[in-house]
Amino acid sequence: MAKFLLVGRKFINLENVDYIDLGEEGSSTVTVYFGGQGDTQRSMQFTGDEATQLWELLEEENFFGTSSPRP
C-alpha cells in the first residue's frame, strides 16, 4: 500500500521516491526526485518551513535509517 506524506499543500508517495538531495550542509533546501531519467525525471523542491517539515516527517518514518545532518 502506498505511503503518502503531506508537506504544506503537497503529497509525496514515498514508494515513488528515487532519491532525496539534502543540498549543501546548512542549506534549507530539500529536493525529492521521482522515477525517470534525464529529461523525464521529475522532482519537487522544498525550502524553508516545508523543508523542515519534510525532514521531520521522514525522520518519523525512519526513512533515513540513521541520523543525518538536518537541513
Protein backbone atom coordinates (compact mmCIF):
# COMPACT_ATOMS: atom_id res chain seq x y z
CA MET A 1 0.00 0.00 0.00
CA ALA A 2 1.27 3.49 -0.89
CA LYS A 3 2.61 5.67 1.92
CA PHE A 4 1.81 9.36 1.40
CA LEU A 5 3.24 12.31 3.31
CA LEU A 6 1.56 15.72 3.32
CA VAL A 7 4.05 18.59 3.26
CA GLY A 8 2.48 22.02 3.05
CA ARG A 9 -0.08 21.50 0.28
CA LYS A 10 1.89 18.74 -1.49
CA PHE A 11 1.56 14.97 -1.15
CA ILE A 12 4.55 12.68 -1.68
CA ASN A 13 4.22 8.95 -2.34
CA LEU A 14 7.30 7.50 -0.60
CA GLU A 15 7.15 4.38 -2.78
CA ASN A 16 7.89 6.51 -5.86
CA VAL A 17 10.93 8.35 -4.44
CA ASP A 18 14.20 7.54 -6.24
CA TYR A 19 16.41 9.72 -4.07
CA ILE A 20 16.48 12.86 -1.93
CA ASP A 21 19.06 15.64 -2.29
CA LEU A 22 19.62 17.39 1.03
CA GLY A 23 21.54 20.26 -0.60
CA GLU A 24 24.61 21.89 0.88
CA GLU A 25 25.24 21.39 4.58
CA GLY A 26 23.30 24.04 6.47
CA SER A 27 21.02 24.62 3.46
CA SER A 28 17.27 24.79 3.96
CA THR A 29 16.52 23.18 0.59
CA VAL A 30 15.48 19.55 0.10
CA THR A 31 14.80 18.15 -3.39
CA VAL A 32 12.89 14.88 -3.86
CA TYR A 33 13.43 13.02 -7.15
CA PHE A 34 10.94 10.60 -8.66
CA GLY A 35 11.15 7.94 -11.41
CA GLY A 36 12.58 8.51 -14.84
CA GLN A 37 15.95 9.58 -16.13
CA GLY A 38 17.35 12.70 -17.71
CA ASP A 39 14.63 14.91 -19.16
CA THR A 40 11.84 12.62 -17.97
CA GLN A 41 12.89 12.69 -14.31
CA ARG A 42 10.58 14.66 -12.06
CA SER A 43 11.41 16.44 -8.85
CA MET A 44 9.85 18.53 -6.09
CA GLN A 45 11.84 21.13 -4.19
CA PHE A 46 11.09 22.19 -0.64
CA THR A 47 12.57 25.23 1.10
CA GLY A 48 12.27 26.88 4.49
CA ASP A 49 9.49 25.58 6.73
CA GLU A 50 8.38 22.97 4.17
CA ALA A 51 11.92 21.51 4.04
CA THR A 52 11.97 21.31 7.83
CA GLN A 53 8.51 19.71 7.92
CA LEU A 54 9.52 17.16 5.26
CA TRP A 55 12.68 16.30 7.19
CA GLU A 56 10.72 15.74 10.41
CA LEU A 57 8.16 13.52 8.64
CA LEU A 58 10.91 11.45 7.01
CA GLU A 59 12.60 11.01 10.41
CA GLU A 60 9.28 9.85 11.92
CA GLU A 61 9.01 7.27 9.12
CA ASN A 62 12.61 6.16 9.81
CA PHE A 63 13.24 6.84 6.12
CA PHE A 64 16.95 7.53 6.62
CA GLY A 65 17.70 4.54 8.83
CA THR A 66 20.38 6.55 10.65
CA SER A 67 20.64 10.14 11.79
CA SER A 68 21.60 12.58 9.04
CA PRO A 69 22.50 16.28 9.23
CA ARG A 70 19.38 18.35 9.41
CA PRO A 71 18.67 20.98 6.71
